[in-house]
Amino acid sequence: MNDIDRDILDFESQHWHYQGNKERVIQERFGFSPNRYYQRLNRLLDEPEALQQQPALVKRLQSRRDQRAQRRVVRDA
């Protein structure tokens, strides 16, 4: 895990009232699109070191990801 990965985890621990604000800050802070950011975050959630660094955050985000995937399966069935 590098510094950007740790920064992404720290960033995800913040609470955002408006998704648009978060997406703007993602572009400003990390220099890549929100799409790219979420791809990187999803890969990071599968890293054992990320789980070690911030277990509660990683487990919460994994649970959200799993719930979204489950809803897609049900919707597409």
C-alpha atoms as a PDB file:
ATOM      1  CA  MET A   1       0.000   0.000   0.000  1.00  0.00           C
ATOM      2  CA  ASN A   2       1.420   3.354  -0.977  1.00  0.00           C
ATOM      3  CA  ASP A   3       0.769   6.895   0.274  1.00  0.00           C
ATOM      4  CA  ILE A   4      -2.045   7.497  -2.217  1.00  0.00           C
ATOM      5  CA  ASP A   5      -3.791   4.318  -1.074  1.00  0.00           C
ATOM      6  CA  ARG A   6      -3.560   5.434   2.559  1.00  0.00           C
ATOM      7  CA  ASP A   7      -4.818   8.875   1.560  1.00  0.00           C
ATOM      8  CA  ILE A   8      -7.793   7.289  -0.224  1.00  0.00           C
ATOM      9  CA  LEU A   9      -8.718   5.361   2.922  1.00  0.00           C
ATOM     10  CA  ASP A  10      -8.413   8.518   5.025  1.00  0.00           C
ATOM     11  CA  PHE A  11     -10.522  10.392   2.494  1.00  0.00           C
ATOM     12  CA  GLU A  12     -13.219   7.689   2.571  1.00  0.00           C
ATOM     13  CA  SER A  13     -13.481   7.968   6.341  1.00  0.00           C
ATOM     14  CA  GLN A  14     -14.830  11.516   5.952  1.00  0.00           C
ATOM     15  CA  HIS A  15     -18.563  12.142   5.821  1.00  0.00           C
ATOM     16  CA  TRP A  16     -19.962  13.841   2.716  1.00  0.00           C
ATOM     17  CA  HIS A  17     -23.382  15.454   2.637  1.00  0.00           C
ATOM     18  CA  TYR A  18     -23.406  15.930  -1.134  1.00  0.00           C
ATOM     19  CA  GLN A  19     -21.983  13.450  -3.647  1.00  0.00           C
ATOM     20  CA  GLY A  20     -21.207  16.222  -6.136  1.00  0.00           C
ATOM     21  CA  ASN A  21     -18.905  17.922  -3.649  1.00  0.00           C
ATOM     22  CA  LYS A  22     -17.059  14.680  -3.033  1.00  0.00           C
ATOM     23  CA  GLU A  23     -16.577  14.065  -6.750  1.00  0.00           C
ATOM     24  CA  ARG A  24     -15.180  17.565  -7.238  1.00  0.00           C
ATOM     25  CA  VAL A  25     -12.745  17.129  -4.358  1.00  0.00           C
ATOM     26  CA  ILE A  26     -11.688  13.717  -5.703  1.00  0.00           C
ATOM     27  CA  GLN A  27     -10.661  15.342  -8.977  1.00  0.00           C
ATOM     28  CA  GLU A  28      -8.868  18.200  -7.227  1.00  0.00           C
ATOM     29  CA  ARG A  29      -7.134  16.137  -4.557  1.00  0.00           C
ATOM     30  CA  PHE A  30      -6.188  12.977  -6.443  1.00  0.00           C
ATOM     31  CA  GLY A  31      -6.066  14.230 -10.011  1.00  0.00           C
ATOM     32  CA  PHE A  32      -8.211  11.510 -11.500  1.00  0.00           C
ATOM     33  CA  SER A  33     -11.881  11.046 -12.320  1.00  0.00           C
ATOM     34  CA  PRO A  34     -14.339   9.798  -9.716  1.00  0.00           C
ATOM     35  CA  ASN A  35     -14.754   6.662 -11.850  1.00  0.00           C
ATOM     36  CA  ARG A  36     -11.035   5.918 -11.658  1.00  0.00           C
ATOM     37  CA  TYR A  37     -11.029   6.736  -7.941  1.00  0.00           C
ATOM     38  CA  TYR A  38     -13.789   4.204  -7.194  1.00  0.00           C
ATOM     39  CA  GLN A  39     -12.064   1.538  -9.293  1.00  0.00           C
ATOM     40  CA  ARG A  40      -8.914   2.042  -7.269  1.00  0.00           C
ATOM     41  CA  LEU A  41     -10.860   2.086  -3.993  1.00  0.00           C
ATOM     42  CA  ASN A  42     -12.569  -1.205  -4.858  1.00  0.00           C
ATOM     43  CA  ARG A  43      -9.236  -2.863  -5.560  1.00  0.00           C
ATOM     44  CA  LEU A  44      -7.878  -1.414  -2.330  1.00  0.00           C
ATOM     45  CA  LEU A  45     -10.740  -2.958  -0.336  1.00  0.00           C
ATOM     46  CA  ASP A  46      -9.417  -6.400  -1.279  1.00  0.00           C
ATOM     47  CA  GLU A  47      -5.911  -5.653   0.017  1.00  0.00           C
ATOM     48  CA  PRO A  48      -5.080  -7.337   3.363  1.00  0.00           C
ATOM     49  CA  GLU A  49      -2.929  -4.351   4.343  1.00  0.00           C
ATOM     50  CA  ALA A  50      -5.893  -1.991   3.930  1.00  0.00           C
ATOM     51  CA  LEU A  51      -7.924  -4.224   6.234  1.00  0.00           C
ATOM     52  CA  GLN A  52      -5.071  -4.124   8.733  1.00  0.00           C
ATOM     53  CA  GLN A  53      -4.741  -0.335   8.549  1.00  0.00           C
ATOM     54  CA  GLN A  54      -8.439   0.545   8.885  1.00  0.00           C
ATOM     55  CA  PRO A  55     -10.479  -2.592   9.608  1.00  0.00           C
ATOM     56  CA  ALA A  56     -13.802  -0.928  10.490  1.00  0.00           C
ATOM     57  CA  LEU A  57     -13.760   1.328   7.432  1.00  0.00           C
ATOM     58  CA  VAL A  58     -12.730  -1.437   5.027  1.00  0.00           C
ATOM     59  CA  LYS A  59     -15.354  -3.857   6.375  1.00  0.00           C
ATOM     60  CA  ARG A  60     -18.072  -1.188   6.133  1.00  0.00           C
ATOM     61  CA  LEU A  61     -17.110  -0.352   2.541  1.00  0.00           C
ATOM     62  CA  GLN A  62     -16.895  -4.040   1.600  1.00  0.00           C
ATOM     63  CA  SER A  63     -20.368  -4.561   3.040  1.00  0.00           C
ATOM     64  CA  ARG A  64     -21.763  -1.653   0.993  1.00  0.00           C
ATOM     65  CA  ARG A  65     -20.096  -2.990  -2.137  1.00  0.00           C
ATOM     66  CA  ASP A  66     -21.543  -6.457  -1.507  1.00  0.00           C
ATOM     67  CA  GLN A  67     -25.028  -5.030  -0.935  1.00  0.00           C
ATOM     68  CA  ARG A  68     -24.879  -3.094  -4.221  1.00  0.00           C
ATOM     69  CA  ALA A  69     -23.746  -6.226  -6.051  1.00  0.00           C
ATOM     70  CA  GLN A  70     -26.573  -8.216  -4.470  1.00  0.00           C
ATOM     71  CA  ARG A  71     -29.142  -5.612  -5.555  1.00  0.00           C
ATOM     72  CA  ARG A  72     -27.810  -5.782  -9.131  1.00  0.00           C
ATOM     73  CA  VAL A  73     -28.172  -9.572  -9.151  1.00  0.00           C
ATOM     74  CA  VAL A  74     -31.754  -9.379  -7.876  1.00  0.00           C
ATOM     75  CA  ARG A  75     -32.640  -6.562 -10.282  1.00  0.00           C
ATOM     76  CA  ASP A  76     -31.159  -8.402 -13.276  1.00  0.00           C
ATOM     77  CA  ALA A  77     -32.822 -11.717 -12.406  1.00  0.00           C
END
